[in-house]
PDB file of N, CA and C in Angstrom:
ATOM      1  N   UNK A   1      -1.154  -4.112 -16.196  1.00  0.00           N
ATOM      2  CA  UNK A   1      -2.469  -3.444 -16.513  1.00  0.00           C
ATOM      3  C   UNK A   1      -2.398  -2.388 -16.066  1.00  0.00           C
ATOM      4  N   UNK A   2      -2.694  -1.326 -16.209  1.00  0.00           N
ATOM      5  CA  UNK A   2      -2.751  -0.145 -16.691  1.00  0.00           C
ATOM      6  C   UNK A   2      -3.731   0.724 -15.364  1.00  0.00           C
ATOM      7  N   UNK A   3      -4.690   0.674 -15.080  1.00  0.00           N
ATOM      8  CA  UNK A   3      -5.606   1.371 -14.119  1.00  0.00           C
ATOM      9  C   UNK A   3      -5.912   0.952 -13.128  1.00  0.00           C
ATOM     10  N   UNK A   4      -6.630   0.833 -11.948  1.00  0.00           N
ATOM     11  CA  UNK A   4      -6.793   0.164 -10.909  1.00  0.00           C
ATOM     12  C   UNK A   4      -8.277  -0.429 -10.991  1.00  0.00           C
ATOM     13  N   UNK A   5      -8.745  -1.013 -10.790  1.00  0.00           N
ATOM     14  CA  UNK A   5     -10.611  -1.592 -10.342  1.00  0.00           C
ATOM     15  C   UNK A   5     -11.286  -0.675 -10.673  1.00  0.00           C
ATOM     16  N   UNK A   6     -11.237   0.076  -9.337  1.00  0.00           N
ATOM     17  CA  UNK A   6     -12.769   1.064  -9.776  1.00  0.00           C
ATOM     18  C   UNK A   6     -11.633   1.463 -10.672  1.00  0.00           C
ATOM     19  N   UNK A   7     -10.953   2.526 -11.402  1.00  0.00           N
ATOM     20  CA  UNK A   7     -10.874   3.217 -12.347  1.00  0.00           C
ATOM     21  C   UNK A   7     -11.478   2.684 -13.888  1.00  0.00           C
ATOM     22  N   UNK A   8     -10.832   1.232 -14.073  1.00  0.00           N
ATOM     23  CA  UNK A   8     -11.488   0.964 -14.769  1.00  0.00           C
ATOM     24  C   UNK A   8     -13.083   0.498 -15.336  1.00  0.00           C
ATOM     25  N   UNK A   9     -13.768   0.364 -14.041  1.00  0.00           N
ATOM     26  CA  UNK A   9     -14.957   0.028 -13.939  1.00  0.00           C
ATOM     27  C   UNK A   9     -16.118   1.653 -14.639  1.00  0.00           C
ATOM     28  N   UNK A  10     -15.147   2.695 -14.372  1.00  0.00           N
ATOM     29  CA  UNK A  10     -15.711   4.131 -14.155  1.00  0.00           C
ATOM     30  C   UNK A  10     -16.633   4.243 -15.743  1.00  0.00           C
ATOM     31  N   UNK A  11     -17.547   4.489 -15.630  1.00  0.00           N
ATOM     32  CA  UNK A  11     -17.631   4.865 -16.809  1.00  0.00           C
ATOM     33  C   UNK A  11     -17.486   6.725 -17.642  1.00  0.00           C
ATOM     34  N   UNK A  12     -17.254   7.314 -17.415  1.00  0.00           N
ATOM     35  CA  UNK A  12     -16.305   8.175 -17.825  1.00  0.00           C
ATOM     36  C   UNK A  12     -15.097   8.540 -16.743  1.00  0.00           C
ATOM     37  N   UNK A  13     -14.169   8.925 -17.448  1.00  0.00           N
ATOM     38  CA  UNK A  13     -12.544   9.513 -17.093  1.00  0.00           C
ATOM     39  C   UNK A  13     -12.667   9.476 -15.729  1.00  0.00           C
ATOM     40  N   UNK A  14     -11.387   9.182 -15.319  1.00  0.00           N
ATOM     41  CA  UNK A  14     -11.371   9.071 -13.711  1.00  0.00           C
ATOM     42  C   UNK A  14     -11.862  10.669 -13.389  1.00  0.00           C
ATOM     43  N   UNK A  15     -10.832  11.707 -14.224  1.00  0.00           N
ATOM     44  CA  UNK A  15     -10.946  13.370 -13.537  1.00  0.00           C
ATOM     45  C   UNK A  15     -12.448  13.676 -13.243  1.00  0.00           C
ATOM     46  N   UNK A  16     -13.400  13.040 -14.449  1.00  0.00           N
ATOM     47  CA  UNK A  16     -14.805  13.408 -14.411  1.00  0.00           C
ATOM     48  C   UNK A  16     -15.621  13.364 -13.171  1.00  0.00           C
ATOM     49  N   UNK A  17     -15.357  11.797 -13.283  1.00  0.00           N
ATOM     50  CA  UNK A  17     -15.716  11.040 -11.929  1.00  0.00           C
ATOM     51  C   UNK A  17     -15.634  11.958 -11.217  1.00  0.00           C
ATOM     52  N   UNK A  18     -13.918  12.258 -10.633  1.00  0.00           N
ATOM     53  CA  UNK A  18     -13.976  13.273  -9.512  1.00  0.00           C
ATOM     54  C   UNK A  18     -14.524  14.524  -9.712  1.00  0.00           C
ATOM     55  N   UNK A  19     -14.625  14.874 -10.318  1.00  0.00           N
ATOM     56  CA  UNK A  19     -15.734  16.282 -10.036  1.00  0.00           C
ATOM     57  C   UNK A  19     -16.717  16.097 -10.227  1.00  0.00           C
ATOM     58  N   UNK A  20     -17.753  15.343 -10.318  1.00  0.00           N
ATOM     59  CA  UNK A  20     -18.992  14.293 -10.634  1.00  0.00           C
ATOM     60  C   UNK A  20     -19.563  14.818  -9.019  1.00  0.00           C
ATOM     61  N   UNK A  21     -18.484  14.118  -8.363  1.00  0.00           N
ATOM     62  CA  UNK A  21     -18.490  13.780  -7.153  1.00  0.00           C
ATOM     63  C   UNK A  21     -18.129  14.551  -6.138  1.00  0.00           C
ATOM     64  N   UNK A  22     -17.991  15.787  -6.115  1.00  0.00           N
ATOM     65  CA  UNK A  22     -18.414  16.731  -5.094  1.00  0.00           C
ATOM     66  C   UNK A  22     -19.165  16.762  -3.674  1.00  0.00           C
ATOM     67  N   UNK A  23     -20.442  16.623  -4.091  1.00  0.00           N
ATOM     68  CA  UNK A  23     -21.495  16.205  -3.243  1.00  0.00           C
ATOM     69  C   UNK A  23     -21.306  14.671  -2.493  1.00  0.00           C
ATOM     70  N   UNK A  24     -20.695  13.756  -3.103  1.00  0.00           N
ATOM     71  CA  UNK A  24     -19.850  12.968  -2.109  1.00  0.00           C
ATOM     72  C   UNK A  24     -18.631  12.351  -2.003  1.00  0.00           C
ATOM     73  N   UNK A  25     -18.132  13.433  -0.880  1.00  0.00           N
ATOM     74  CA  UNK A  25     -16.972  13.687  -0.335  1.00  0.00           C
ATOM     75  C   UNK A  25     -15.566  11.894   0.118  1.00  0.00           C
ATOM     76  N   UNK A  26     -17.080  10.632   0.176  1.00  0.00           N
ATOM     77  CA  UNK A  26     -16.116   9.392   0.131  1.00  0.00           C
ATOM     78  C   UNK A  26     -16.205   8.673  -0.982  1.00  0.00           C
ATOM     79  N   UNK A  27     -16.414   9.390  -2.199  1.00  0.00           N
ATOM     80  CA  UNK A  27     -16.697   9.087  -3.349  1.00  0.00           C
ATOM     81  C   UNK A  27     -15.248   9.297  -3.873  1.00  0.00           C
ATOM     82  N   UNK A  28     -14.867  10.691  -3.368  1.00  0.00           N
ATOM     83  CA  UNK A  28     -14.075  11.448  -4.057  1.00  0.00           C
ATOM     84  C   UNK A  28     -12.113  10.848  -3.515  1.00  0.00           C
ATOM     85  N   UNK A  29     -12.471  10.369  -2.050  1.00  0.00           N
ATOM     86  CA  UNK A  29     -11.795   9.942  -1.465  1.00  0.00           C
ATOM     87  C   UNK A  29     -11.188   8.333  -2.323  1.00  0.00           C
ATOM     88  N   UNK A  30     -12.368   8.058  -2.398  1.00  0.00           N
ATOM     89  CA  UNK A  30     -11.681   6.572  -2.463  1.00  0.00           C
ATOM     90  C   UNK A  30     -11.448   6.132  -4.040  1.00  0.00           C
ATOM     91  N   UNK A  31     -11.969   7.221  -4.784  1.00  0.00           N
ATOM     92  CA  UNK A  31     -11.382   7.372  -6.304  1.00  0.00           C
ATOM     93  C   UNK A  31      -9.426   7.444  -6.275  1.00  0.00           C
ATOM     94  N   UNK A  32      -9.188   9.087  -5.355  1.00  0.00           N
ATOM     95  CA  UNK A  32      -8.293   9.003  -5.126  1.00  0.00           C
ATOM     96  C   UNK A  32      -7.364   8.162  -4.899  1.00  0.00           C
ATOM     97  N   UNK A  33      -7.623   7.784  -2.949  1.00  0.00           N
ATOM     98  CA  UNK A  33      -6.809   6.241  -3.203  1.00  0.00           C
ATOM     99  C   UNK A  33      -6.938   5.295  -3.916  1.00  0.00           C
ATOM    100  N   UNK A  34      -8.045   4.988  -4.964  1.00  0.00           N
ATOM    101  CA  UNK A  34      -8.118   3.807  -5.959  1.00  0.00           C
ATOM    102  C   UNK A  34      -6.375   4.368  -6.492  1.00  0.00           C
ATOM    103  N   UNK A  35      -6.578   5.244  -7.721  1.00  0.00           N
ATOM    104  CA  UNK A  35      -5.015   5.801  -7.875  1.00  0.00           C
ATOM    105  C   UNK A  35      -4.480   6.037  -7.285  1.00  0.00           C
ATOM    106  N   UNK A  36      -3.489   6.629  -6.400  1.00  0.00           N
ATOM    107  CA  UNK A  36      -2.965   6.856  -5.663  1.00  0.00           C
ATOM    108  C   UNK A  36      -1.809   4.835  -5.285  1.00  0.00           C
ATOM    109  N   UNK A  37      -3.498   4.242  -4.846  1.00  0.00           N
ATOM    110  CA  UNK A  37      -2.402   2.787  -4.136  1.00  0.00           C
ATOM    111  C   UNK A  37      -1.992   2.504  -5.369  1.00  0.00           C
ATOM    112  N   UNK A  38      -2.776   1.949  -6.562  1.00  0.00           N
ATOM    113  CA  UNK A  38      -2.910   1.484  -7.298  1.00  0.00           C
ATOM    114  C   UNK A  38      -0.643   2.178  -8.277  1.00  0.00           C
ATOM    115  N   UNK A  39      -0.614   2.901  -8.067  1.00  0.00           N
ATOM    116  CA  UNK A  39       0.545   3.737  -8.867  1.00  0.00           C
ATOM    117  C   UNK A  39       1.526   3.024  -7.518  1.00  0.00           C
ATOM    118  N   UNK A  40       1.496   3.083  -6.010  1.00  0.00           N
ATOM    119  CA  UNK A  40       2.451   2.245  -5.334  1.00  0.00           C
ATOM    120  C   UNK A  40       2.670   1.003  -5.797  1.00  0.00           C
ATOM    121  N   UNK A  41       0.924   0.216  -5.994  1.00  0.00           N
ATOM    122  CA  UNK A  41       1.302  -1.584  -6.140  1.00  0.00           C
ATOM    123  C   UNK A  41       1.988  -1.118  -7.147  1.00  0.00           C
ATOM    124  N   UNK A  42       2.011  -0.463  -8.337  1.00  0.00           N
ATOM    125  CA  UNK A  42       3.078  -0.668  -9.900  1.00  0.00           C
ATOM    126  C   UNK A  42       4.326   0.202  -9.572  1.00  0.00           C
ATOM    127  N   UNK A  43       4.658   0.626  -8.530  1.00  0.00           N
ATOM    128  CA  UNK A  43       6.204   1.331  -7.934  1.00  0.00           C
ATOM    129  C   UNK A  43       6.863  -0.252  -7.038  1.00  0.00           C
ATOM    130  N   UNK A  44       6.363  -1.054  -6.289  1.00  0.00           N
ATOM    131  CA  UNK A  44       6.608  -1.767  -5.709  1.00  0.00           C
ATOM    132  C   UNK A  44       7.037  -2.793  -7.129  1.00  0.00           C
ATOM    133  N   UNK A  45       6.147  -2.862  -8.034  1.00  0.00           N
ATOM    134  CA  UNK A  45       6.568  -4.035  -9.342  1.00  0.00           C
ATOM    135  C   UNK A  45       7.232  -3.856 -10.068  1.00  0.00           C
ATOM    136  N   UNK A  46       7.860  -2.706  -9.697  1.00  0.00           N
ATOM    137  CA  UNK A  46       8.763  -1.895 -10.833  1.00  0.00           C
ATOM    138  C   UNK A  46      10.165  -2.153 -10.034  1.00  0.00           C
ATOM    139  N   UNK A  47      11.249  -3.466 -11.403  1.00  0.00           N
ATOM    140  CA  UNK A  47      12.435  -3.532 -11.059  1.00  0.00           C
ATOM    141  C   UNK A  47      13.277  -2.230 -11.063  1.00  0.00           C
ATOM    142  N   UNK A  48      13.143  -1.794 -12.308  1.00  0.00           N
ATOM    143  CA  UNK A  48      13.777  -0.462 -12.912  1.00  0.00           C
ATOM    144  C   UNK A  48      13.737   0.973 -12.707  1.00  0.00           C
ATOM    145  N   UNK A  49      14.420   1.610 -12.551  1.00  0.00           N
ATOM    146  CA  UNK A  49      14.408   2.838 -13.160  1.00  0.00           C
ATOM    147  C   UNK A  49      13.188   3.597 -12.676  1.00  0.00           C
ATOM    148  N   UNK A  50      12.604   4.782 -13.239  1.00  0.00           N
ATOM    149  CA  UNK A  50      11.790   5.825 -13.347  1.00  0.00           C
ATOM    150  C   UNK A  50      10.641   5.085 -13.946  1.00  0.00           C
ATOM    151  N   UNK A  51       9.908   5.194 -13.086  1.00  0.00           N
ATOM    152  CA  UNK A  51       7.759   5.003 -13.666  1.00  0.00           C
ATOM    153  C   UNK A  51       7.432   6.470 -13.120  1.00  0.00           C
ATOM    154  N   UNK A  52       6.926   6.099 -14.328  1.00  0.00           N
ATOM    155  CA  UNK A  52       6.177   7.822 -14.751  1.00  0.00           C
ATOM    156  C   UNK A  52       4.557   7.101 -15.038  1.00  0.00           C
ATOM    157  N   UNK A  53       3.315   7.717 -14.347  1.00  0.00           N
ATOM    158  CA  UNK A  53       2.189   6.988 -14.716  1.00  0.00           C
ATOM    159  C   UNK A  53       1.256   8.046 -15.196  1.00  0.00           C
ATOM    160  N   UNK A  54       0.733   7.612 -16.417  1.00  0.00           N
ATOM    161  CA  UNK A  54      -0.015   9.182 -16.563  1.00  0.00           C
ATOM    162  C   UNK A  54      -1.370   9.292 -16.007  1.00  0.00           C
ATOM    163  N   UNK A  55      -1.758  10.194 -15.797  1.00  0.00           N
ATOM    164  CA  UNK A  55      -3.133  10.322 -14.390  1.00  0.00           C
ATOM    165  C   UNK A  55      -4.252  11.387 -15.008  1.00  0.00           C
ATOM    166  N   UNK A  56      -4.957  11.749 -15.994  1.00  0.00           N
ATOM    167  CA  UNK A  56      -5.732  12.666 -15.802  1.00  0.00           C
ATOM    168  C   UNK A  56      -5.919  13.644 -14.540  1.00  0.00           C
ATOM    169  N   UNK A  57      -6.623  12.947 -13.509  1.00  0.00           N
ATOM    170  CA  UNK A  57      -6.546  13.175 -12.379  1.00  0.00           C
ATOM    171  C   UNK A  57      -5.531  14.626 -11.903  1.00  0.00           C
ATOM    172  N   UNK A  58      -4.278  13.617 -12.110  1.00  0.00           N
ATOM    173  CA  UNK A  58      -3.068  14.516 -11.224  1.00  0.00           C
ATOM    174  C   UNK A  58      -2.866  15.235 -12.442  1.00  0.00           C
ATOM    175  N   UNK A  59      -3.160  15.209 -13.402  1.00  0.00           N
ATOM    176  CA  UNK A  59      -2.580  16.613 -14.750  1.00  0.00           C
ATOM    177  C   UNK A  59      -3.139  17.580 -14.357  1.00  0.00           C
ATOM    178  N   UNK A  60      -4.154  17.196 -14.054  1.00  0.00           N
ATOM    179  CA  UNK A  60      -5.178  18.720 -14.043  1.00  0.00           C
ATOM    180  C   UNK A  60      -4.803  19.541 -13.309  1.00  0.00           C
ATOM    181  N   UNK A  61      -4.393  21.063 -13.246  1.00  0.00           N
ATOM    182  CA  UNK A  61      -4.023  21.651 -12.930  1.00  0.00           C
ATOM    183  C   UNK A  61      -5.363  22.074 -11.610  1.00  0.00           C
ATOM    184  N   UNK A  62      -6.346  22.158 -12.514  1.00  0.00           N
ATOM    185  CA  UNK A  62      -7.999  22.552 -11.540  1.00  0.00           C
ATOM    186  C   UNK A  62      -7.680  21.806 -10.372  1.00  0.00           C
ATOM    187  N   UNK A  63      -7.371  20.957 -10.072  1.00  0.00           N
ATOM    188  CA  UNK A  63      -8.331  19.497  -9.361  1.00  0.00           C
ATOM    189  C   UNK A  63      -6.655  19.769  -8.098  1.00  0.00           C
ATOM    190  N   UNK A  64      -5.728  19.722  -8.560  1.00  0.00           N
ATOM    191  CA  UNK A  64      -4.246  19.975  -7.591  1.00  0.00           C
ATOM    192  C   UNK A  64      -5.029  20.529  -6.442  1.00  0.00           C
ATOM    193  N   UNK A  65      -5.240  21.543  -5.794  1.00  0.00           N
ATOM    194  CA  UNK A  65      -5.641  22.071  -4.327  1.00  0.00           C
ATOM    195  C   UNK A  65      -7.155  20.557  -3.973  1.00  0.00           C
ATOM    196  N   UNK A  66      -7.546  20.771  -4.584  1.00  0.00           N
ATOM    197  CA  UNK A  66      -9.290  19.671  -4.105  1.00  0.00           C
ATOM    198  C   UNK A  66      -7.907  18.422  -3.642  1.00  0.00           C
ATOM    199  N   UNK A  67      -7.314  17.721  -4.779  1.00  0.00           N
ATOM    200  CA  UNK A  67      -6.432  16.184  -4.430  1.00  0.00           C
ATOM    201  C   UNK A  67      -5.977  16.766  -3.457  1.00  0.00           C
ATOM    202  N   UNK A  68      -5.013  18.042  -2.594  1.00  0.00           N
ATOM    203  CA  UNK A  68      -4.457  17.500  -1.467  1.00  0.00           C
ATOM    204  C   UNK A  68      -5.306  17.657  -0.046  1.00  0.00           C
ATOM    205  N   UNK A  69      -6.359  18.348  -0.260  1.00  0.00           N
ATOM    206  CA  UNK A  69      -7.431  18.441   0.706  1.00  0.00           C
ATOM    207  C   UNK A  69      -7.899  16.935   0.485  1.00  0.00           C
ATOM    208  N   UNK A  70      -8.689  16.426   0.319  1.00  0.00           N
ATOM    209  CA  UNK A  70      -8.890  15.039  -0.109  1.00  0.00           C
ATOM    210  C   UNK A  70      -7.763  14.397   0.893  1.00  0.00           C
ATOM    211  N   UNK A  71      -6.758  14.099   0.173  1.00  0.00           N
ATOM    212  CA  UNK A  71      -5.047  13.443   0.606  1.00  0.00           C
ATOM    213  C   UNK A  71      -4.832  14.053   1.697  1.00  0.00           C
ATOM    214  N   UNK A  72      -4.855  15.108   2.267  1.00  0.00           N
ATOM    215  CA  UNK A  72      -4.706  15.322   4.025  1.00  0.00           C
ATOM    216  C   UNK A  72      -6.066  15.000   4.385  1.00  0.00           C
ATOM    217  N   UNK A  73      -7.167  15.228   4.138  1.00  0.00           N
ATOM    218  CA  UNK A  73      -8.297  14.107   5.439  1.00  0.00           C
ATOM    219  C   UNK A  73      -7.800  13.346   5.388  1.00  0.00           C
ATOM    220  N   UNK A  74      -7.789  12.376   3.832  1.00  0.00           N
ATOM    221  CA  UNK A  74      -7.756  10.839   4.301  1.00  0.00           C
ATOM    222  C   UNK A  74      -6.420  10.020   5.439  1.00  0.00           C
ATOM    223  N   UNK A  75      -5.469  11.107   4.849  1.00  0.00           N
ATOM    224  CA  UNK A  75      -4.500  10.915   6.164  1.00  0.00           C
ATOM    225  C   UNK A  75      -4.487  10.584   7.079  1.00  0.00           C
ATOM    226  N   UNK A  76      -5.042  12.307   7.244  1.00  0.00           N
ATOM    227  CA  UNK A  76      -5.002  12.544   8.900  1.00  0.00           C
ATOM    228  C   UNK A  76      -6.673  11.339   9.676  1.00  0.00           C
ATOM    229  N   UNK A  77      -7.268  10.852   8.870  1.00  0.00           N
ATOM    230  CA  UNK A  77      -8.420   9.674   9.099  1.00  0.00           C
ATOM    231  C   UNK A  77      -8.064   8.246   9.247  1.00  0.00           C
ATOM    232  N   UNK A  78      -6.820   8.020   7.991  1.00  0.00           N
ATOM    233  CA  UNK A  78      -6.500   7.040   7.788  1.00  0.00           C
ATOM    234  C   UNK A  78      -4.768   6.479   8.347  1.00  0.00           C
ATOM    235  N   UNK A  79      -4.507   7.102   9.479  1.00  0.00           N
ATOM    236  CA  UNK A  79      -2.820   7.149   9.574  1.00  0.00           C
ATOM    237  C   UNK A  79      -2.431   6.407   9.768  1.00  0.00           C
ATOM    238  N   UNK A  80      -2.858   4.729   9.954  1.00  0.00           N
ATOM    239  CA  UNK A  80      -1.469   3.477   9.825  1.00  0.00           C
ATOM    240  C   UNK A  80      -2.400   2.839   8.963  1.00  0.00           C
ATOM    241  N   UNK A  81      -3.098   3.475   7.775  1.00  0.00           N
ATOM    242  CA  UNK A  81      -3.088   2.776   6.129  1.00  0.00           C
ATOM    243  C   UNK A  81      -2.724   3.244   5.472  1.00  0.00           C
ATOM    244  N   UNK A  82      -2.425   4.682   5.706  1.00  0.00           N
ATOM    245  CA  UNK A  82      -1.765   5.155   5.146  1.00  0.00           C
ATOM    246  C   UNK A  82      -0.156   5.900   4.795  1.00  0.00           C
ATOM    247  N   UNK A  83       0.812   5.824   5.034  1.00  0.00           N
ATOM    248  CA  UNK A  83       2.227   5.683   4.581  1.00  0.00           C
ATOM    249  C   UNK A  83       2.722   6.792   3.969  1.00  0.00           C
ATOM    250  N   UNK A  84       3.441   8.101   4.842  1.00  0.00           N
ATOM    251  CA  UNK A  84       3.821   9.311   3.888  1.00  0.00           C
ATOM    252  C   UNK A  84       4.698   9.012   3.193  1.00  0.00           C
ATOM    253  N   UNK A  85       5.336   8.240   3.374  1.00  0.00           N
ATOM    254  CA  UNK A  85       6.532   8.126   2.744  1.00  0.00           C
ATOM    255  C   UNK A  85       6.052   7.494   1.488  1.00  0.00           C
ATOM    256  N   UNK A  86       4.968   6.382   1.334  1.00  0.00           N
ATOM    257  CA  UNK A  86       4.372   5.611   0.135  1.00  0.00           C
ATOM    258  C   UNK A  86       3.618   6.552  -0.479  1.00  0.00           C
ATOM    259  N   UNK A  87       2.979   7.296  -0.354  1.00  0.00           N
ATOM    260  CA  UNK A  87       2.219   8.369  -0.958  1.00  0.00           C
ATOM    261  C   UNK A  87       2.705   9.577  -1.676  1.00  0.00           C
ATOM    262  N   UNK A  88       4.145   9.994  -0.884  1.00  0.00           N
ATOM    263  CA  UNK A  88       5.545  10.778  -1.663  1.00  0.00           C
ATOM    264  C   UNK A  88       5.499  10.090  -2.688  1.00  0.00           C
ATOM    265  N   UNK A  89       5.931   8.990  -2.576  1.00  0.00           N
ATOM    266  CA  UNK A  89       7.244   8.155  -3.359  1.00  0.00           C
ATOM    267  C   UNK A  89       5.654   7.947  -4.747  1.00  0.00           C
ATOM    268  N   UNK A  90       4.609   7.887  -4.403  1.00  0.00           N
ATOM    269  CA  UNK A  90       3.328   7.672  -5.804  1.00  0.00           C
ATOM    270  C   UNK A  90       3.615   9.307  -6.152  1.00  0.00           C
ATOM    271  N   UNK A  91       2.882  10.293  -5.569  1.00  0.00           N
ATOM    272  CA  UNK A  91       3.174  11.670  -6.114  1.00  0.00           C
ATOM    273  C   UNK A  91       4.125  11.367  -7.000  1.00  0.00           C
ATOM    274  N   UNK A  92       5.674  11.430  -7.192  1.00  0.00           N
ATOM    275  CA  UNK A  92       6.105  11.578  -7.601  1.00  0.00           C
ATOM    276  C   UNK A  92       6.539  10.861  -9.112  1.00  0.00           C
ATOM    277  N   UNK A  93       5.209  10.260  -9.113  1.00  0.00           N
ATOM    278  CA  UNK A  93       5.711   9.468 -10.513  1.00  0.00           C
ATOM    279  C   UNK A  93       4.180   9.899 -11.438  1.00  0.00           C
ATOM    280  N   UNK A  94       3.745  11.128 -10.755  1.00  0.00           N
ATOM    281  CA  UNK A  94       2.758  11.199 -11.556  1.00  0.00           C
ATOM    282  C   UNK A  94       2.504  13.074 -12.286  1.00  0.00           C
ATOM    283  N   UNK A  95       1.934  13.888 -12.778  1.00  0.00           N
ATOM    284  CA  UNK A  95       2.189  15.336 -12.829  1.00  0.00           C
ATOM    285  C   UNK A  95       1.349  15.578 -11.665  1.00  0.00           C
ATOM    286  N   UNK A  96       2.332  17.303 -11.379  1.00  0.00           N
ATOM    287  CA  UNK A  96       2.400  18.076 -10.305  1.00  0.00           C
ATOM    288  C   UNK A  96       2.849  17.305  -8.757  1.00  0.00           C
ATOM    289  N   UNK A  97       3.100  15.908  -8.630  1.00  0.00           N
ATOM    290  CA  UNK A  97       3.129  15.256  -7.947  1.00  0.00           C
ATOM    291  C   UNK A  97       4.361  16.039  -7.312  1.00  0.00           C
ATOM    292  N   UNK A  98       5.482  16.976  -7.463  1.00  0.00           N
ATOM    293  CA  UNK A  98       6.179  17.515  -6.736  1.00  0.00           C
ATOM    294  C   UNK A  98       5.767  18.951  -6.588  1.00  0.00           C
ATOM    295  N   UNK A  99       5.013  19.379  -6.203  1.00  0.00           N
ATOM    296  CA  UNK A  99       3.666  20.153  -5.877  1.00  0.00           C
ATOM    297  C   UNK A  99       2.975  19.643  -4.941  1.00  0.00           C
ATOM    298  N   UNK A 100       2.191  18.843  -5.056  1.00  0.00           N
ATOM    299  CA  UNK A 100       1.569  18.312  -4.139  1.00  0.00           C
ATOM    300  C   UNK A 100       2.220  17.569  -2.608  1.00  0.00           C
ATOM    301  N   UNK A 101       3.562  16.719  -3.613  1.00  0.00           N
ATOM    302  CA  UNK A 101       4.004  16.534  -2.086  1.00  0.00           C
ATOM    303  C   UNK A 101       4.736  17.436  -1.085  1.00  0.00           C
ATOM    304  N   UNK A 102       5.113  18.792  -1.770  1.00  0.00           N
ATOM    305  CA  UNK A 102       5.551  20.267  -1.121  1.00  0.00           C
ATOM    306  C   UNK A 102       4.742  21.189   0.241  1.00  0.00           C
ATOM    307  N   UNK A 103       2.850  20.542  -0.711  1.00  0.00           N
ATOM    308  CA  UNK A 103       2.381  21.164  -0.228  1.00  0.00           C
ATOM    309  C   UNK A 103       1.584  20.281   1.355  1.00  0.00           C
ATOM    310  N   UNK A 104       1.666  18.599   0.654  1.00  0.00           N
ATOM    311  CA  UNK A 104       1.263  17.576   1.714  1.00  0.00           C
ATOM    312  C   UNK A 104       2.926  18.008   2.720  1.00  0.00           C
ATOM    313  N   UNK A 105       3.374  17.726   2.314  1.00  0.00           N
ATOM    314  CA  UNK A 105       4.797  18.149   3.517  1.00  0.00           C
ATOM    315  C   UNK A 105       4.441  19.188   4.690  1.00  0.00           C
ATOM    316  N   UNK A 106       4.160  20.317   3.788  1.00  0.00           N
ATOM    317  CA  UNK A 106       3.476  21.574   4.155  1.00  0.00           C
ATOM    318  C   UNK A 106       2.830  21.536   6.096  1.00  0.00           C
ATOM    319  N   UNK A 107       1.810  20.695   5.304  1.00  0.00           N
ATOM    320  CA  UNK A 107       0.252  20.773   6.083  1.00  0.00           C
ATOM    321  C   UNK A 107       0.946  19.432   7.456  1.00  0.00           C
ATOM    322  N   UNK A 108       2.381  18.531   7.090  1.00  0.00           N
ATOM    323  CA  UNK A 108       2.531  17.747   8.259  1.00  0.00           C
ATOM    324  C   UNK A 108       4.248  17.912   8.351  1.00  0.00           C
ATOM    325  N   UNK A 109       4.256  18.918   9.143  1.00  0.00           N
ATOM    326  CA  UNK A 109       5.862  19.409   8.829  1.00  0.00           C
ATOM    327  C   UNK A 109       6.497  18.021   9.579  1.00  0.00           C
ATOM    328  N   UNK A 110       5.985  17.130  10.948  1.00  0.00           N
ATOM    329  CA  UNK A 110       6.442  16.446  11.181  1.00  0.00           C
ATOM    330  C   UNK A 110       7.259  15.670  10.325  1.00  0.00           C
ATOM    331  N   UNK A 111       6.829  15.423   9.541  1.00  0.00           N
ATOM    332  CA  UNK A 111       7.066  14.451   8.474  1.00  0.00           C
ATOM    333  C   UNK A 111       8.420  15.087   7.837  1.00  0.00           C
ATOM    334  N   UNK A 112       8.745  16.108   7.705  1.00  0.00           N
ATOM    335  CA  UNK A 112       9.553  16.453   6.811  1.00  0.00           C
ATOM    336  C   UNK A 112      11.008  16.035   6.603  1.00  0.00           C
ATOM    337  N   UNK A 113      11.481  16.029   7.659  1.00  0.00           N
ATOM    338  CA  UNK A 113      13.144  15.071   8.039  1.00  0.00           C
ATOM    339  C   UNK A 113      13.001  13.741   7.445  1.00  0.00           C
ATOM    340  N   UNK A 114      11.397  12.917   7.451  1.00  0.00           N
ATOM    341  CA  UNK A 114      11.579  11.304   7.480  1.00  0.00           C
ATOM    342  C   UNK A 114      10.813  11.256   5.595  1.00  0.00           C
ATOM    343  N   UNK A 115      10.372  12.454   5.140  1.00  0.00           N
ATOM    344  CA  UNK A 115      10.027  12.474   3.745  1.00  0.00           C
ATOM    345  C   UNK A 115      11.445  12.748   2.779  1.00  0.00           C
ATOM    346  N   UNK A 116      12.185  14.177   3.067  1.00  0.00           N
ATOM    347  CA  UNK A 116      13.654  14.547   2.714  1.00  0.00           C
ATOM    348  C   UNK A 116      14.440  13.396   2.626  1.00  0.00           C
ATOM    349  N   UNK A 117      14.665  12.443   3.733  1.00  0.00           N
ATOM    350  CA  UNK A 117      15.656  11.326   3.565  1.00  0.00           C
ATOM    351  C   UNK A 117      15.557  10.692   2.720  1.00  0.00           C
ATOM    352  N   UNK A 118      13.917  10.056   2.656  1.00  0.00           N
ATOM    353  CA  UNK A 118      13.565   8.896   1.523  1.00  0.00           C
ATOM    354  C   UNK A 118      13.345   9.530   0.453  1.00  0.00           C
ATOM    355  N   UNK A 119      13.636  11.004   0.138  1.00  0.00           N
ATOM    356  CA  UNK A 119      13.979  10.672  -1.201  1.00  0.00           C
ATOM    357  C   UNK A 119      15.158  10.762  -1.549  1.00  0.00           C
TER     358      UNK A 119
END
């Protein structure tokens, strides 16, 4: 499988849908979490080495700050469902992931040591 169920049902690409959902924050969170959780599940299924996922959403610099905002809100609202280590591991597999990880840890300084040890 190459993409999540939600993303595969989109009429346009994920980045266009993300752009169109400016007035629908819940849809934006669903898109982002669907993509991240799909990547996390693919990582768990991988047995070998480096996994790299191409994602229009994460590779486009235009959305980097907005992705970070949505991700920080989702993690604050769903702390029991979103493990920062799983999110960081998934982000390290996409374009601009390292930048997002740095900013995510900066917004969650209490997770700094835990994230550093896991990497």
